Structures are given as structure tokens and as C-alpha cells.
Amino acid sequence: MSNNAEKTTAAAAVEDDDEPDEWDKRIFSTGCADENAKLTDCYYEKKDWRACKQEMETFRACWKKQGNEKRTDSKDV
């Protein structure tokens, strides 16, 4: 295989990887993808959910604003 063909094949594989998967589609459908990303990033950096209370509250507020608790039957405890 030529060097150009290898680069084209590699580029195609990278482009396919950029497609949203089922998980991404579900998160985007909530309307809170940005808040979810910030919460996930916080946990990744700090490895402790207790250190991410502000991000959790922001995500929770978005979740309620978007009406997701009705859609998913989740309830505050």
C-alpha cells in the first residue's frame, strides 16, 4: 500500500470516530450536554464527586429546566 493510501485510510478511520455514538446522542437529547461534560471533567480531575458540587447543581438545574425528570421518571431524594 502506498503512503498516500495509508494516510487516506487513517484519515477515514479518524472521521468515522468523530461520529456521535449512542451515548453521545442520548446526552445531547437531554439538552444538558455541556453541563454533563463539565461535571464529568470535574470528576475526572478531582476523582471525588463531593468536590464537584457546583457542577452537579448546575447539571441538576439544567436537567429540571429541560423537563428530563418527567421523561426519565427520575426523582429528587
PDB file of N, CA and C in Angstrom:
ATOM      1  N   MET A   1       0.851  -1.168   0.000  1.00  0.00           N
ATOM      2  CA  MET A   1       0.000   0.000   0.000  1.00  0.00           C
ATOM      3  C   MET A   1       0.898   1.232   0.000  1.00  0.00           C
ATOM      4  N   SER A   2       0.537   2.211  -0.762  1.00  0.00           N
ATOM      5  CA  SER A   2       1.351   3.420  -0.836  1.00  0.00           C
ATOM      6  C   SER A   2       1.137   4.273   0.407  1.00  0.00           C
ATOM      7  N   ASN A   3       2.035   5.192   0.613  1.00  0.00           N
ATOM      8  CA  ASN A   3       1.973   6.071   1.776  1.00  0.00           C
ATOM      9  C   ASN A   3       0.701   6.917   1.740  1.00  0.00           C
ATOM     10  N   ASN A   4       0.313   7.412   0.550  1.00  0.00           N
ATOM     11  CA  ASN A   4      -0.906   8.216   0.430  1.00  0.00           C
ATOM     12  C   ASN A   4      -2.147   7.398   0.762  1.00  0.00           C
ATOM     13  N   ALA A   5      -2.179   6.147   0.321  1.00  0.00           N
ATOM     14  CA  ALA A   5      -3.325   5.290   0.602  1.00  0.00           C
ATOM     15  C   ALA A   5      -3.431   5.031   2.099  1.00  0.00           C
ATOM     16  N   GLU A   6      -2.300   4.857   2.780  1.00  0.00           N
ATOM     17  CA  GLU A   6      -2.311   4.646   4.222  1.00  0.00           C
ATOM     18  C   GLU A   6      -2.848   5.882   4.948  1.00  0.00           C
ATOM     19  N   LYS A   7      -2.428   7.055   4.514  1.00  0.00           N
ATOM     20  CA  LYS A   7      -2.906   8.290   5.127  1.00  0.00           C
ATOM     21  C   LYS A   7      -4.401   8.464   4.908  1.00  0.00           C
ATOM     22  N   THR A   8      -4.896   8.134   3.719  1.00  0.00           N
ATOM     23  CA  THR A   8      -6.319   8.253   3.422  1.00  0.00           C
ATOM     24  C   THR A   8      -7.121   7.293   4.292  1.00  0.00           C
ATOM     25  N   THR A   9      -6.644   6.068   4.440  1.00  0.00           N
ATOM     26  CA  THR A   9      -7.328   5.084   5.267  1.00  0.00           C
ATOM     27  C   THR A   9      -7.345   5.528   6.728  1.00  0.00           C
ATOM     28  N   ALA A  10      -6.223   6.034   7.215  1.00  0.00           N
ATOM     29  CA  ALA A  10      -6.142   6.513   8.595  1.00  0.00           C
ATOM     30  C   ALA A  10      -7.071   7.706   8.806  1.00  0.00           C
ATOM     31  N   ALA A  11      -7.119   8.613   7.847  1.00  0.00           N
ATOM     32  CA  ALA A  11      -7.988   9.779   7.953  1.00  0.00           C
ATOM     33  C   ALA A  11      -9.457   9.359   7.972  1.00  0.00           C
ATOM     34  N   ALA A  12      -9.812   8.380   7.170  1.00  0.00           N
ATOM     35  CA  ALA A  12     -11.191   7.898   7.151  1.00  0.00           C
ATOM     36  C   ALA A  12     -11.558   7.286   8.498  1.00  0.00           C
ATOM     37  N   ALA A  13     -10.644   6.565   9.110  1.00  0.00           N
ATOM     38  CA  ALA A  13     -10.906   5.954  10.414  1.00  0.00           C
ATOM     39  C   ALA A  13     -11.125   7.030  11.473  1.00  0.00           C
ATOM     40  N   VAL A  14     -10.345   8.104  11.413  1.00  0.00           N
ATOM     41  CA  VAL A  14     -10.498   9.201  12.368  1.00  0.00           C
ATOM     42  C   VAL A  14     -11.841   9.881  12.152  1.00  0.00           C
ATOM     43  N   GLU A  15     -12.242  10.105  10.915  1.00  0.00           N
ATOM     44  CA  GLU A  15     -13.524  10.746  10.645  1.00  0.00           C
ATOM     45  C   GLU A  15     -14.672   9.900  11.169  1.00  0.00           C
ATOM     46  N   ASP A  16     -14.617   8.604  10.982  1.00  0.00           N
ATOM     47  CA  ASP A  16     -15.664   7.724  11.486  1.00  0.00           C
ATOM     48  C   ASP A  16     -15.757   7.789  12.997  1.00  0.00           C
ATOM     49  N   ASP A  17     -14.625   7.963  13.665  1.00  0.00           N
ATOM     50  CA  ASP A  17     -14.600   8.033  15.118  1.00  0.00           C
ATOM     51  C   ASP A  17     -15.250   9.309  15.630  1.00  0.00           C
ATOM     52  N   ASP A  18     -15.331  10.335  14.801  1.00  0.00           N
ATOM     53  CA  ASP A  18     -15.936  11.599  15.200  1.00  0.00           C
ATOM     54  C   ASP A  18     -17.458  11.552  15.181  1.00  0.00           C
ATOM     55  N   GLU A  19     -18.031  10.486  14.635  1.00  0.00           N
ATOM     56  CA  GLU A  19     -19.481  10.353  14.604  1.00  0.00           C
ATOM     57  C   GLU A  19     -20.001  10.168  16.026  1.00  0.00           C
ATOM     58  N   PRO A  20     -21.094  10.832  16.375  1.00  0.00           N
ATOM     59  CA  PRO A  20     -21.649  10.631  17.714  1.00  0.00           C
ATOM     60  C   PRO A  20     -22.141   9.192  17.880  1.00  0.00           C
ATOM     61  N   ASP A  21     -21.779   8.582  18.991  1.00  0.00           N
ATOM     62  CA  ASP A  21     -22.250   7.230  19.256  1.00  0.00           C
ATOM     63  C   ASP A  21     -23.589   7.314  20.001  1.00  0.00           C
ATOM     64  N   GLU A  22     -24.137   6.171  20.366  1.00  0.00           N
ATOM     65  CA  GLU A  22     -25.444   6.144  21.027  1.00  0.00           C
ATOM     66  C   GLU A  22     -25.424   6.917  22.346  1.00  0.00           C
ATOM     67  N   TRP A  23     -24.341   6.794  23.104  1.00  0.00           N
ATOM     68  CA  TRP A  23     -24.227   7.519  24.373  1.00  0.00           C
ATOM     69  C   TRP A  23     -24.278   9.024  24.135  1.00  0.00           C
ATOM     70  N   ASP A  24     -23.482   9.507  23.174  1.00  0.00           N
ATOM     71  CA  ASP A  24     -23.469  10.937  22.870  1.00  0.00           C
ATOM     72  C   ASP A  24     -24.849  11.414  22.434  1.00  0.00           C
ATOM     73  N   LYS A  25     -25.519  10.628  21.611  1.00  0.00           N
ATOM     74  CA  LYS A  25     -26.856  11.017  21.146  1.00  0.00           C
ATOM     75  C   LYS A  25     -27.815  11.151  22.319  1.00  0.00           C
ATOM     76  N   ARG A  26     -27.729  10.249  23.282  1.00  0.00           N
ATOM     77  CA  ARG A  26     -28.607  10.323  24.458  1.00  0.00           C
ATOM     78  C   ARG A  26     -28.303  11.569  25.278  1.00  0.00           C
ATOM     79  N   ILE A  27     -27.023  11.845  25.483  1.00  0.00           N
ATOM     80  CA  ILE A  27     -26.643  13.022  26.272  1.00  0.00           C
ATOM     81  C   ILE A  27     -27.089  14.297  25.557  1.00  0.00           C
ATOM     82  N   PHE A  28     -26.867  14.393  24.247  1.00  0.00           N
ATOM     83  CA  PHE A  28     -27.274  15.583  23.505  1.00  0.00           C
ATOM     84  C   PHE A  28     -28.786  15.768  23.543  1.00  0.00           C
ATOM     85  N   SER A  29     -29.542  14.669  23.568  1.00  0.00           N
ATOM     86  CA  SER A  29     -31.006  14.771  23.573  1.00  0.00           C
ATOM     87  C   SER A  29     -31.549  15.330  24.885  1.00  0.00           C
ATOM     88  N   THR A  30     -30.755  15.329  25.944  1.00  0.00           N
ATOM     89  CA  THR A  30     -31.210  15.874  27.229  1.00  0.00           C
ATOM     90  C   THR A  30     -31.187  17.394  27.242  1.00  0.00           C
ATOM     91  N   GLY A  31     -30.422  17.997  26.348  1.00  0.00           N
ATOM     92  CA  GLY A  31     -30.268  19.447  26.356  1.00  0.00           C
ATOM     93  C   GLY A  31     -29.235  19.920  27.367  1.00  0.00           C
ATOM     94  N   CYS A  32     -28.546  18.995  28.007  1.00  0.00           N
ATOM     95  CA  CYS A  32     -27.588  19.336  29.067  1.00  0.00           C
ATOM     96  C   CYS A  32     -26.200  18.750  28.786  1.00  0.00           C
ATOM     97  N   ALA A  33     -25.831  18.642  27.538  1.00  0.00           N
ATOM     98  CA  ALA A  33     -24.550  18.031  27.171  1.00  0.00           C
ATOM     99  C   ALA A  33     -23.365  18.829  27.718  1.00  0.00           C
ATOM    100  N   ASP A  34     -23.430  20.150  27.659  1.00  0.00           N
ATOM    101  CA  ASP A  34     -22.325  20.970  28.160  1.00  0.00           C
ATOM    102  C   ASP A  34     -22.167  20.811  29.672  1.00  0.00           C
ATOM    103  N   GLU A  35     -23.291  20.834  30.373  1.00  0.00           N
ATOM    104  CA  GLU A  35     -23.253  20.669  31.824  1.00  0.00           C
ATOM    105  C   GLU A  35     -22.741  19.280  32.200  1.00  0.00           C
ATOM    106  N   ASN A  36     -23.147  18.276  31.438  1.00  0.00           N
ATOM    107  CA  ASN A  36     -22.673  16.923  31.682  1.00  0.00           C
ATOM    108  C   ASN A  36     -21.161  16.827  31.460  1.00  0.00           C
ATOM    109  N   ALA A  37     -20.666  17.469  30.417  1.00  0.00           N
ATOM    110  CA  ALA A  37     -19.232  17.442  30.131  1.00  0.00           C
ATOM    111  C   ALA A  37     -18.442  18.111  31.252  1.00  0.00           C
ATOM    112  N   LYS A  38     -18.941  19.244  31.749  1.00  0.00           N
ATOM    113  CA  LYS A  38     -18.248  19.941  32.843  1.00  0.00           C
ATOM    114  C   LYS A  38     -18.238  19.097  34.115  1.00  0.00           C
ATOM    115  N   LEU A  39     -19.346  18.438  34.398  1.00  0.00           N
ATOM    116  CA  LEU A  39     -19.420  17.570  35.570  1.00  0.00           C
ATOM    117  C   LEU A  39     -18.469  16.387  35.427  1.00  0.00           C
ATOM    118  N   THR A  40     -18.458  15.781  34.276  1.00  0.00           N
ATOM    119  CA  THR A  40     -17.571  14.649  34.023  1.00  0.00           C
ATOM    120  C   THR A  40     -16.109  15.073  34.103  1.00  0.00           C
ATOM    121  N   ASP A  41     -15.786  16.223  33.522  1.00  0.00           N
ATOM    122  CA  ASP A  41     -14.413  16.729  33.585  1.00  0.00           C
ATOM    123  C   ASP A  41     -13.983  17.005  35.020  1.00  0.00           C
ATOM    124  N   CYS A  42     -14.893  17.572  35.799  1.00  0.00           N
ATOM    125  CA  CYS A  42     -14.583  17.851  37.207  1.00  0.00           C
ATOM    126  C   CYS A  42     -14.250  16.560  37.936  1.00  0.00           C
ATOM    127  N   TYR A  43     -15.083  15.558  37.750  1.00  0.00           N
ATOM    128  CA  TYR A  43     -14.830  14.290  38.431  1.00  0.00           C
ATOM    129  C   TYR A  43     -13.518  13.666  37.953  1.00  0.00           C
ATOM    130  N   TYR A  44     -13.258  13.753  36.664  1.00  0.00           N
ATOM    131  CA  TYR A  44     -12.022  13.191  36.120  1.00  0.00           C
ATOM    132  C   TYR A  44     -10.798  13.856  36.759  1.00  0.00           C
ATOM    133  N   GLU A  45     -10.865  15.169  36.933  1.00  0.00           N
ATOM    134  CA  GLU A  45      -9.736  15.903  37.510  1.00  0.00           C
ATOM    135  C   GLU A  45      -9.587  15.664  39.007  1.00  0.00           C
ATOM    136  N   LYS A  46     -10.701  15.616  39.728  1.00  0.00           N
ATOM    137  CA  LYS A  46     -10.637  15.582  41.192  1.00  0.00           C
ATOM    138  C   LYS A  46     -10.854  14.200  41.795  1.00  0.00           C
ATOM    139  N   LYS A  47     -11.418  13.292  41.022  1.00  0.00           N
ATOM    140  CA  LYS A  47     -11.664  11.908  41.476  1.00  0.00           C
ATOM    141  C   LYS A  47     -12.524  11.845  42.744  1.00  0.00           C
ATOM    142  N   ASP A  48     -13.374  12.850  42.925  1.00  0.00           N
ATOM    143  CA  ASP A  48     -14.237  12.891  44.101  1.00  0.00           C
ATOM    144  C   ASP A  48     -15.474  13.722  43.763  1.00  0.00           C
ATOM    145  N   TRP A  49     -16.639  13.074  43.746  1.00  0.00           N
ATOM    146  CA  TRP A  49     -17.871  13.783  43.408  1.00  0.00           C
ATOM    147  C   TRP A  49     -18.145  14.925  44.376  1.00  0.00           C
ATOM    148  N   ARG A  50     -17.745  14.772  45.630  1.00  0.00           N
ATOM    149  CA  ARG A  50     -18.006  15.817  46.625  1.00  0.00           C
ATOM    150  C   ARG A  50     -17.315  17.122  46.271  1.00  0.00           C
ATOM    151  N   ALA A  51     -16.252  17.061  45.501  1.00  0.00           N
ATOM    152  CA  ALA A  51     -15.525  18.268  45.080  1.00  0.00           C
ATOM    153  C   ALA A  51     -16.171  18.919  43.860  1.00  0.00           C
ATOM    154  N   CYS A  52     -17.254  18.329  43.368  1.00  0.00           N
ATOM    155  CA  CYS A  52     -17.911  18.825  42.143  1.00  0.00           C
ATOM    156  C   CYS A  52     -19.351  19.247  42.414  1.00  0.00           C
ATOM    157  N   LYS A  53     -19.613  19.729  43.610  1.00  0.00           N
ATOM    158  CA  LYS A  53     -20.984  20.079  43.985  1.00  0.00           C
ATOM    159  C   LYS A  53     -21.576  21.162  43.094  1.00  0.00           C
ATOM    160  N   GLN A  54     -20.800  22.178  42.757  1.00  0.00           N
ATOM    161  CA  GLN A  54     -21.325  23.259  41.915  1.00  0.00           C
ATOM    162  C   GLN A  54     -21.682  22.734  40.525  1.00  0.00           C
ATOM    163  N   GLU A  55     -20.824  21.908  39.961  1.00  0.00           N
ATOM    164  CA  GLU A  55     -21.100  21.333  38.643  1.00  0.00           C
ATOM    165  C   GLU A  55     -22.339  20.432  38.687  1.00  0.00           C
ATOM    166  N   MET A  56     -22.492  19.692  39.786  1.00  0.00           N
ATOM    167  CA  MET A  56     -23.662  18.823  39.937  1.00  0.00           C
ATOM    168  C   MET A  56     -24.939  19.650  40.030  1.00  0.00           C
ATOM    169  N   GLU A  57     -24.905  20.738  40.789  1.00  0.00           N
ATOM    170  CA  GLU A  57     -26.083  21.598  40.914  1.00  0.00           C
ATOM    171  C   GLU A  57     -26.438  22.235  39.562  1.00  0.00           C
ATOM    172  N   THR A  58     -25.426  22.650  38.819  1.00  0.00           N
ATOM    173  CA  THR A  58     -25.669  23.231  37.501  1.00  0.00           C
ATOM    174  C   THR A  58     -26.299  22.202  36.576  1.00  0.00           C
ATOM    175  N   PHE A  59     -25.783  20.980  36.595  1.00  0.00           N
ATOM    176  CA  PHE A  59     -26.347  19.907  35.781  1.00  0.00           C
ATOM    177  C   PHE A  59     -27.779  19.601  36.220  1.00  0.00           C
ATOM    178  N   ARG A  60     -28.011  19.510  37.527  1.00  0.00           N
ATOM    179  CA  ARG A  60     -29.343  19.200  38.048  1.00  0.00           C
ATOM    180  C   ARG A  60     -30.353  20.281  37.638  1.00  0.00           C
ATOM    181  N   ALA A  61     -29.953  21.550  37.708  1.00  0.00           N
ATOM    182  CA  ALA A  61     -30.839  22.646  37.315  1.00  0.00           C
ATOM    183  C   ALA A  61     -31.179  22.553  35.827  1.00  0.00           C
ATOM    184  N   CYS A  62     -30.196  22.254  35.009  1.00  0.00           N
ATOM    185  CA  CYS A  62     -30.432  22.091  33.576  1.00  0.00           C
ATOM    186  C   CYS A  62     -31.384  20.925  33.336  1.00  0.00           C
ATOM    187  N   TRP A  63     -31.136  19.812  34.031  1.00  0.00           N
ATOM    188  CA  TRP A  63     -31.959  18.605  33.874  1.00  0.00           C
ATOM    189  C   TRP A  63     -33.433  18.924  34.137  1.00  0.00           C
ATOM    190  N   LYS A  64     -33.688  19.674  35.224  1.00  0.00           N
ATOM    191  CA  LYS A  64     -35.063  20.044  35.559  1.00  0.00           C
ATOM    192  C   LYS A  64     -35.634  21.022  34.543  1.00  0.00           C
ATOM    193  N   LYS A  65     -34.838  22.004  34.157  1.00  0.00           N
ATOM    194  CA  LYS A  65     -35.290  23.017  33.199  1.00  0.00           C
ATOM    195  C   LYS A  65     -35.700  22.373  31.879  1.00  0.00           C
ATOM    196  N   GLN A  66     -34.985  21.354  31.468  1.00  0.00           N
ATOM    197  CA  GLN A  66     -35.270  20.678  30.202  1.00  0.00           C
ATOM    198  C   GLN A  66     -36.418  19.666  30.324  1.00  0.00           C
ATOM    199  N   GLY A  67     -36.908  19.435  31.530  1.00  0.00           N
ATOM    200  CA  GLY A  67     -38.013  18.502  31.733  1.00  0.00           C
ATOM    201  C   GLY A  67     -37.611  17.038  31.677  1.00  0.00           C
ATOM    202  N   ASN A  68     -36.350  16.760  31.922  1.00  0.00           N
ATOM    203  CA  ASN A  68     -35.869  15.387  31.808  1.00  0.00           C
ATOM    204  C   ASN A  68     -36.344  14.482  32.938  1.00  0.00           C
ATOM    205  N   GLU A  69     -36.679  15.054  34.113  1.00  0.00           N
ATOM    206  CA  GLU A  69     -37.128  14.191  35.195  1.00  0.00           C
ATOM    207  C   GLU A  69     -38.465  13.529  34.844  1.00  0.00           C
ATOM    208  N   LYS A  70     -39.284  14.186  34.064  1.00  0.00           N
ATOM    209  CA  LYS A  70     -40.546  13.588  33.621  1.00  0.00           C
ATOM    210  C   LYS A  70     -40.281  12.502  32.585  1.00  0.00           C
ATOM    211  N   ARG A  71     -39.362  12.774  31.703  1.00  0.00           N
ATOM    212  CA  ARG A  71     -39.061  11.846  30.621  1.00  0.00           C
ATOM    213  C   ARG A  71     -38.410  10.567  31.134  1.00  0.00           C
ATOM    214  N   THR A  72     -37.595  10.690  32.171  1.00  0.00           N
ATOM    215  CA  THR A  72     -36.849   9.527  32.662  1.00  0.00           C
ATOM    216  C   THR A  72     -37.392   8.989  33.976  1.00  0.00           C
ATOM    217  N   ASP A  73     -38.445   9.591  34.494  1.00  0.00           N
ATOM    218  CA  ASP A  73     -39.027   9.189  35.769  1.00  0.00           C
ATOM    219  C   ASP A  73     -38.035   9.236  36.907  1.00  0.00           C
ATOM    220  N   SER A  74     -37.084  10.170  36.858  1.00  0.00           N
ATOM    221  CA  SER A  74     -36.145  10.318  37.975  1.00  0.00           C
ATOM    222  C   SER A  74     -36.740  11.303  38.965  1.00  0.00           C
ATOM    223  N   LYS A  75     -36.419  11.121  40.213  1.00  0.00           N
ATOM    224  CA  LYS A  75     -36.958  11.976  41.263  1.00  0.00           C
ATOM    225  C   LYS A  75     -35.837  12.394  42.204  1.00  0.00           C
ATOM    226  N   ASP A  76     -35.955  13.613  42.735  1.00  0.00           N
ATOM    227  CA  ASP A  76     -35.019  14.058  43.769  1.00  0.00           C
ATOM    228  C   ASP A  76     -35.320  13.279  45.044  1.00  0.00           C
ATOM    229  N   VAL A  77     -34.276  12.904  45.733  1.00  0.00           N
ATOM    230  CA  VAL A  77     -34.460  12.200  47.002  1.00  0.00           C
ATOM    231  C   VAL A  77     -33.962  13.040  48.148  1.00  0.00           C
TER     232      VAL A  77
END
